[in-house]
């Protein structure tokens, strides 16, 4: 929701005087093969995975431009770099995040704004597999035979990206569990 995201960013700026980092971590992925023609799922993925990121950018960018500094970190996905069966629309949305991130980097460096991306594989503490398989716990157990990333692994990586000195921009980190 664009208005909610703007209100959140504006409240942070009012409370802290500025916004240094925004993490756009928007993603939903129902398994939606093209031949099912589930247009409602497609709309939901586009709204969350692309428009959610754009709403975060629209809320934070004016503040970052005026302060001539900031860091925008977008979360993509392994599926934004590698396609798998049933992921056409999800992968398309995450490929869009990748293209958006690369383009923004070219547009925003002149304003002192860094732009980065992290693309994690499967993360265990999320509902990702359940959503992907329509809440079917048996089908969602496909990840039971390996150790996936943990939310802390991804958070530590994002912290690393955000904590670099201003002359360093980590452009992209692609990360997966060792067995993935």
C-alpha atoms as a PDB file:
ATOM      1  CA  UNK A   1       0.000   0.000   0.000  1.00  0.00           C
ATOM      2  CA  UNK A   2       1.713   3.125  -1.265  1.00  0.00           C
ATOM      3  CA  UNK A   3       0.166   5.430   1.344  1.00  0.00           C
ATOM      4  CA  UNK A   4       1.152   3.151   4.246  1.00  0.00           C
ATOM      5  CA  UNK A   5       4.738   2.879   3.027  1.00  0.00           C
ATOM      6  CA  UNK A   6       4.982   6.659   2.574  1.00  0.00           C
ATOM      7  CA  UNK A   7       3.567   7.229   6.055  1.00  0.00           C
ATOM      8  CA  UNK A   8       6.084   4.764   7.530  1.00  0.00           C
ATOM      9  CA  UNK A   9       9.039   6.483   5.846  1.00  0.00           C
ATOM     10  CA  UNK A  10       7.779   9.976   6.705  1.00  0.00           C
ATOM     11  CA  UNK A  11       7.320   8.924  10.349  1.00  0.00           C
ATOM     12  CA  UNK A  12      10.872   7.561  10.463  1.00  0.00           C
ATOM     13  CA  UNK A  13      12.214  10.821   9.018  1.00  0.00           C
ATOM     14  CA  UNK A  14      10.196  12.865  11.544  1.00  0.00           C
ATOM     15  CA  UNK A  15      11.502  10.756  14.433  1.00  0.00           C
ATOM     16  CA  UNK A  16      15.149  10.387  13.355  1.00  0.00           C
ATOM     17  CA  UNK A  17      15.632  13.412  11.081  1.00  0.00           C
ATOM     18  CA  UNK A  18      16.680  11.378   8.046  1.00  0.00           C
ATOM     19  CA  UNK A  19      16.521   7.996   6.351  1.00  0.00           C
ATOM     20  CA  UNK A  20      19.820   6.293   5.670  1.00  0.00           C
ATOM     21  CA  UNK A  21      18.760   2.843   4.449  1.00  0.00           C
ATOM     22  CA  UNK A  22      15.599   1.299   3.091  1.00  0.00           C
ATOM     23  CA  UNK A  23      15.243  -2.430   2.524  1.00  0.00           C
ATOM     24  CA  UNK A  24      12.611  -3.301  -0.038  1.00  0.00           C
ATOM     25  CA  UNK A  25      11.769  -6.879   0.875  1.00  0.00           C
ATOM     26  CA  UNK A  26       8.551  -7.582  -0.965  1.00  0.00           C
ATOM     27  CA  UNK A  27       7.785 -11.023  -2.285  1.00  0.00           C
ATOM     28  CA  UNK A  28       5.080 -13.601  -2.737  1.00  0.00           C
ATOM     29  CA  UNK A  29       5.288 -16.682  -4.929  1.00  0.00           C
ATOM     30  CA  UNK A  30       2.380 -19.001  -5.482  1.00  0.00           C
ATOM     31  CA  UNK A  31       3.357 -21.798  -7.863  1.00  0.00           C
ATOM     32  CA  UNK A  32       1.530 -20.532 -10.918  1.00  0.00           C
ATOM     33  CA  UNK A  33       2.237 -22.349 -14.185  1.00  0.00           C
ATOM     34  CA  UNK A  34       1.242 -20.297 -17.192  1.00  0.00           C
ATOM     35  CA  UNK A  35      -1.189 -22.932 -18.464  1.00  0.00           C
ATOM     36  CA  UNK A  36      -3.316 -22.516 -15.305  1.00  0.00           C
ATOM     37  CA  UNK A  37      -4.016 -18.924 -16.375  1.00  0.00           C
ATOM     38  CA  UNK A  38      -4.431 -17.782 -12.788  1.00  0.00           C
ATOM     39  CA  UNK A  39      -4.485 -14.083 -13.570  1.00  0.00           C
ATOM     40  CA  UNK A  40      -5.391 -13.148  -9.983  1.00  0.00           C
ATOM     41  CA  UNK A  41      -2.144 -14.739  -8.746  1.00  0.00           C
ATOM     42  CA  UNK A  42      -0.233 -12.922 -11.479  1.00  0.00           C
ATOM     43  CA  UNK A  43      -1.745  -9.610 -10.423  1.00  0.00           C
ATOM     44  CA  UNK A  44      -0.890 -10.294  -6.789  1.00  0.00           C
ATOM     45  CA  UNK A  45       2.746 -11.110  -7.636  1.00  0.00           C
ATOM     46  CA  UNK A  46       3.126  -7.980  -9.763  1.00  0.00           C
ATOM     47  CA  UNK A  47       1.477  -5.833  -7.081  1.00  0.00           C
ATOM     48  CA  UNK A  48       3.625  -7.166  -4.246  1.00  0.00           C
ATOM     49  CA  UNK A  49       6.908  -8.049  -5.933  1.00  0.00           C
ATOM     50  CA  UNK A  50       7.279  -5.068  -8.253  1.00  0.00           C
ATOM     51  CA  UNK A  51       4.910  -2.366  -7.032  1.00  0.00           C
ATOM     52  CA  UNK A  52       5.866  -3.047  -3.410  1.00  0.00           C
ATOM     53  CA  UNK A  53       9.499  -2.285  -4.242  1.00  0.00           C
ATOM     54  CA  UNK A  54       8.518   0.788  -6.272  1.00  0.00           C
ATOM     55  CA  UNK A  55       6.369   2.076  -3.394  1.00  0.00           C
ATOM     56  CA  UNK A  56       9.325   1.811  -1.021  1.00  0.00           C
ATOM     57  CA  UNK A  57      11.542   3.653  -3.469  1.00  0.00           C
ATOM     58  CA  UNK A  58       8.933   6.378  -4.058  1.00  0.00           C
ATOM     59  CA  UNK A  59       8.602   6.926  -0.313  1.00  0.00           C
ATOM     60  CA  UNK A  60      12.323   7.077   0.515  1.00  0.00           C
ATOM     61  CA  UNK A  61      13.898   8.613  -2.571  1.00  0.00           C
ATOM     62  CA  UNK A  62      12.757  12.243  -2.099  1.00  0.00           C
ATOM     63  CA  UNK A  63      14.282  12.269   1.414  1.00  0.00           C
ATOM     64  CA  UNK A  64      17.504  10.640   0.242  1.00  0.00           C
ATOM     65  CA  UNK A  65      17.855  13.061  -2.667  1.00  0.00           C
ATOM     66  CA  UNK A  66      17.358  16.075  -0.397  1.00  0.00           C
ATOM     67  CA  UNK A  67      19.954  14.800   2.096  1.00  0.00           C
ATOM     68  CA  UNK A  68      22.276  13.769  -0.797  1.00  0.00           C
ATOM     69  CA  UNK A  69      22.829  10.369   0.763  1.00  0.00           C
ATOM     70  CA  UNK A  70      21.147   7.053   1.343  1.00  0.00           C
ATOM     71  CA  UNK A  71      21.194   3.393   0.493  1.00  0.00           C
ATOM     72  CA  UNK A  72      18.389   1.472  -1.197  1.00  0.00           C
ATOM     73  CA  UNK A  73      18.646  -2.307  -0.850  1.00  0.00           C
ATOM     74  CA  UNK A  74      16.260  -4.426  -2.888  1.00  0.00           C
ATOM     75  CA  UNK A  75      15.560  -8.092  -2.252  1.00  0.00           C
ATOM     76  CA  UNK A  76      15.262 -10.160  -5.393  1.00  0.00           C
ATOM     77  CA  UNK A  77      15.515 -13.957  -5.464  1.00  0.00           C
ATOM     78  CA  UNK A  78      17.489 -16.789  -6.970  1.00  0.00           C
ATOM     79  CA  UNK A  79      14.412 -17.057  -9.213  1.00  0.00           C
ATOM     80  CA  UNK A  80      15.302 -13.601 -10.548  1.00  0.00           C
ATOM     81  CA  UNK A  81      18.416 -15.160 -12.086  1.00  0.00           C
ATOM     82  CA  UNK A  82      17.359 -18.748 -12.777  1.00  0.00           C
ATOM     83  CA  UNK A  83      13.976 -19.913 -14.024  1.00  0.00           C
ATOM     84  CA  UNK A  84      12.275 -23.091 -12.859  1.00  0.00           C
ATOM     85  CA  UNK A  85       9.058 -24.853 -13.809  1.00  0.00           C
ATOM     86  CA  UNK A  86       5.925 -22.992 -12.702  1.00  0.00           C
ATOM     87  CA  UNK A  87       7.757 -19.762 -11.876  1.00  0.00           C
ATOM     88  CA  UNK A  88       7.234 -17.702 -15.041  1.00  0.00           C
ATOM     89  CA  UNK A  89       5.469 -14.722 -13.468  1.00  0.00           C
ATOM     90  CA  UNK A  90       7.350 -14.870 -10.157  1.00  0.00           C
ATOM     91  CA  UNK A  91      10.683 -15.040 -11.984  1.00  0.00           C
ATOM     92  CA  UNK A  92       9.591 -12.218 -14.280  1.00  0.00           C
ATOM     93  CA  UNK A  93       8.850 -10.016 -11.250  1.00  0.00           C
ATOM     94  CA  UNK A  94      12.208 -10.820  -9.676  1.00  0.00           C
ATOM     95  CA  UNK A  95      14.030 -10.271 -12.986  1.00  0.00           C
ATOM     96  CA  UNK A  96      12.260  -6.882 -12.964  1.00  0.00           C
ATOM     97  CA  UNK A  97      13.675  -6.128  -9.502  1.00  0.00           C
ATOM     98  CA  UNK A  98      17.141  -6.992 -10.836  1.00  0.00           C
ATOM     99  CA  UNK A  99      16.736  -4.671 -13.852  1.00  0.00           C
ATOM    100  CA  UNK A 100      15.257  -1.940 -11.681  1.00  0.00           C
ATOM    101  CA  UNK A 101      18.152  -2.166  -9.233  1.00  0.00           C
ATOM    102  CA  UNK A 102      20.778  -1.972 -11.980  1.00  0.00           C
ATOM    103  CA  UNK A 103      19.029   0.984 -13.649  1.00  0.00           C
ATOM    104  CA  UNK A 104      18.552   2.838 -10.373  1.00  0.00           C
ATOM    105  CA  UNK A 105      22.241   2.495  -9.614  1.00  0.00           C
ATOM    106  CA  UNK A 106      23.014   4.409 -12.823  1.00  0.00           C
ATOM    107  CA  UNK A 107      20.433   7.115 -12.065  1.00  0.00           C
ATOM    108  CA  UNK A 108      21.074   7.681  -8.369  1.00  0.00           C
ATOM    109  CA  UNK A 109      24.828   7.583  -7.717  1.00  0.00           C
ATOM    110  CA  UNK A 110      25.039  11.261  -8.721  1.00  0.00           C
ATOM    111  CA  UNK A 111      22.753  12.045  -5.760  1.00  0.00           C
ATOM    112  CA  UNK A 112      25.009  10.203  -3.311  1.00  0.00           C
ATOM    113  CA  UNK A 113      22.610   7.256  -3.155  1.00  0.00           C
ATOM    114  CA  UNK A 114      23.879   3.691  -3.280  1.00  0.00           C
ATOM    115  CA  UNK A 115      21.708   0.889  -4.658  1.00  0.00           C
ATOM    116  CA  UNK A 116      22.267  -2.786  -3.854  1.00  0.00           C
ATOM    117  CA  UNK A 117      20.515  -6.103  -4.200  1.00  0.00           C
ATOM    118  CA  UNK A 118      20.484  -9.379  -2.317  1.00  0.00           C
ATOM    119  CA  UNK A 119      19.058 -12.503  -3.974  1.00  0.00           C
ATOM    120  CA  UNK A 120      18.541 -15.326  -1.485  1.00  0.00           C
ATOM    121  CA  UNK A 121      17.559 -18.890  -2.211  1.00  0.00           C
ATOM    122  CA  UNK A 122      15.227 -20.795   0.098  1.00  0.00           C
ATOM    123  CA  UNK A 123      15.003 -19.344   3.619  1.00  0.00           C
ATOM    124  CA  UNK A 124      13.626 -21.663   6.291  1.00  0.00           C
ATOM    125  CA  UNK A 125      11.789 -19.249   8.596  1.00  0.00           C
ATOM    126  CA  UNK A 126       9.342 -18.078   5.960  1.00  0.00           C
ATOM    127  CA  UNK A 127       6.031 -19.315   4.577  1.00  0.00           C
ATOM    128  CA  UNK A 128       7.535 -19.334   1.087  1.00  0.00           C
ATOM    129  CA  UNK A 129       7.211 -23.079   0.415  1.00  0.00           C
ATOM    130  CA  UNK A 130       3.701 -23.213   1.857  1.00  0.00           C
ATOM    131  CA  UNK A 131       2.532 -20.306  -0.302  1.00  0.00           C
ATOM    132  CA  UNK A 132       4.309 -21.778  -3.316  1.00  0.00           C
ATOM    133  CA  UNK A 133       2.380 -25.044  -2.898  1.00  0.00           C
ATOM    134  CA  UNK A 134      -1.013 -23.582  -1.923  1.00  0.00           C
ATOM    135  CA  UNK A 135      -0.543 -24.384   1.787  1.00  0.00           C
ATOM    136  CA  UNK A 136      -0.081 -28.111   1.086  1.00  0.00           C
ATOM    137  CA  UNK A 137       2.363 -29.134   3.839  1.00  0.00           C
ATOM    138  CA  UNK A 138       3.274 -32.408   2.115  1.00  0.00           C
ATOM    139  CA  UNK A 139       4.279 -30.708  -1.139  1.00  0.00           C
ATOM    140  CA  UNK A 140       6.003 -27.903   0.786  1.00  0.00           C
ATOM    141  CA  UNK A 141       8.255 -30.452   2.507  1.00  0.00           C
ATOM    142  CA  UNK A 142      10.466 -30.657  -0.609  1.00  0.00           C
ATOM    143  CA  UNK A 143      13.009 -28.610   1.328  1.00  0.00           C
ATOM    144  CA  UNK A 144      13.263 -31.108   4.189  1.00  0.00           C
ATOM    145  CA  UNK A 145      16.320 -32.858   2.743  1.00  0.00           C
ATOM    146  CA  UNK A 146      18.746 -29.919   3.003  1.00  0.00           C
ATOM    147  CA  UNK A 147      19.674 -27.052   5.290  1.00  0.00           C
ATOM    148  CA  UNK A 148      18.300 -23.821   3.796  1.00  0.00           C
ATOM    149  CA  UNK A 149      19.378 -20.306   4.621  1.00  0.00           C
ATOM    150  CA  UNK A 150      18.147 -18.890   7.891  1.00  0.00           C
ATOM    151  CA  UNK A 151      16.600 -15.456   8.180  1.00  0.00           C
ATOM    152  CA  UNK A 152      19.631 -14.381  10.228  1.00  0.00           C
ATOM    153  CA  UNK A 153      21.952 -15.365   7.357  1.00  0.00           C
ATOM    154  CA  UNK A 154      20.118 -13.004   5.036  1.00  0.00           C
ATOM    155  CA  UNK A 155      19.895 -10.272   7.704  1.00  0.00           C
ATOM    156  CA  UNK A 156      23.645 -10.511   8.362  1.00  0.00           C
ATOM    157  CA  UNK A 157      24.302 -10.171   4.625  1.00  0.00           C
ATOM    158  CA  UNK A 158      22.057  -7.113   4.382  1.00  0.00           C
ATOM    159  CA  UNK A 159      23.816  -5.601   7.406  1.00  0.00           C
ATOM    160  CA  UNK A 160      27.158  -6.189   5.676  1.00  0.00           C
ATOM    161  CA  UNK A 161      25.908  -4.433   2.523  1.00  0.00           C
ATOM    162  CA  UNK A 162      24.545  -1.465   4.491  1.00  0.00           C
ATOM    163  CA  UNK A 163      27.575  -1.071   6.751  1.00  0.00           C
ATOM    164  CA  UNK A 164      30.161  -0.470   4.025  1.00  0.00           C
ATOM    165  CA  UNK A 165      31.843   2.941   3.801  1.00  0.00           C
ATOM    166  CA  UNK A 166      30.233   5.443   1.439  1.00  0.00           C
ATOM    167  CA  UNK A 167      32.788   4.826  -1.322  1.00  0.00           C
ATOM    168  CA  UNK A 168      31.870   1.104  -1.446  1.00  0.00           C
ATOM    169  CA  UNK A 169      28.706  -0.198  -3.075  1.00  0.00           C
ATOM    170  CA  UNK A 170      28.050  -3.926  -2.884  1.00  0.00           C
ATOM    171  CA  UNK A 171      26.036  -4.239  -6.048  1.00  0.00           C
ATOM    172  CA  UNK A 172      24.656  -7.738  -5.742  1.00  0.00           C
ATOM    173  CA  UNK A 173      24.892 -10.798  -3.522  1.00  0.00           C
ATOM    174  CA  UNK A 174      23.407 -14.091  -4.691  1.00  0.00           C
ATOM    175  CA  UNK A 175      23.174 -16.513  -1.768  1.00  0.00           C
ATOM    176  CA  UNK A 176      21.889 -20.030  -1.246  1.00  0.00           C
ATOM    177  CA  UNK A 177      22.188 -22.812   1.260  1.00  0.00           C
ATOM    178  CA  UNK A 178      25.165 -25.026   0.506  1.00  0.00           C
ATOM    179  CA  UNK A 179      22.998 -27.901  -0.709  1.00  0.00           C
ATOM    180  CA  UNK A 180      20.643 -25.856  -2.844  1.00  0.00           C
END
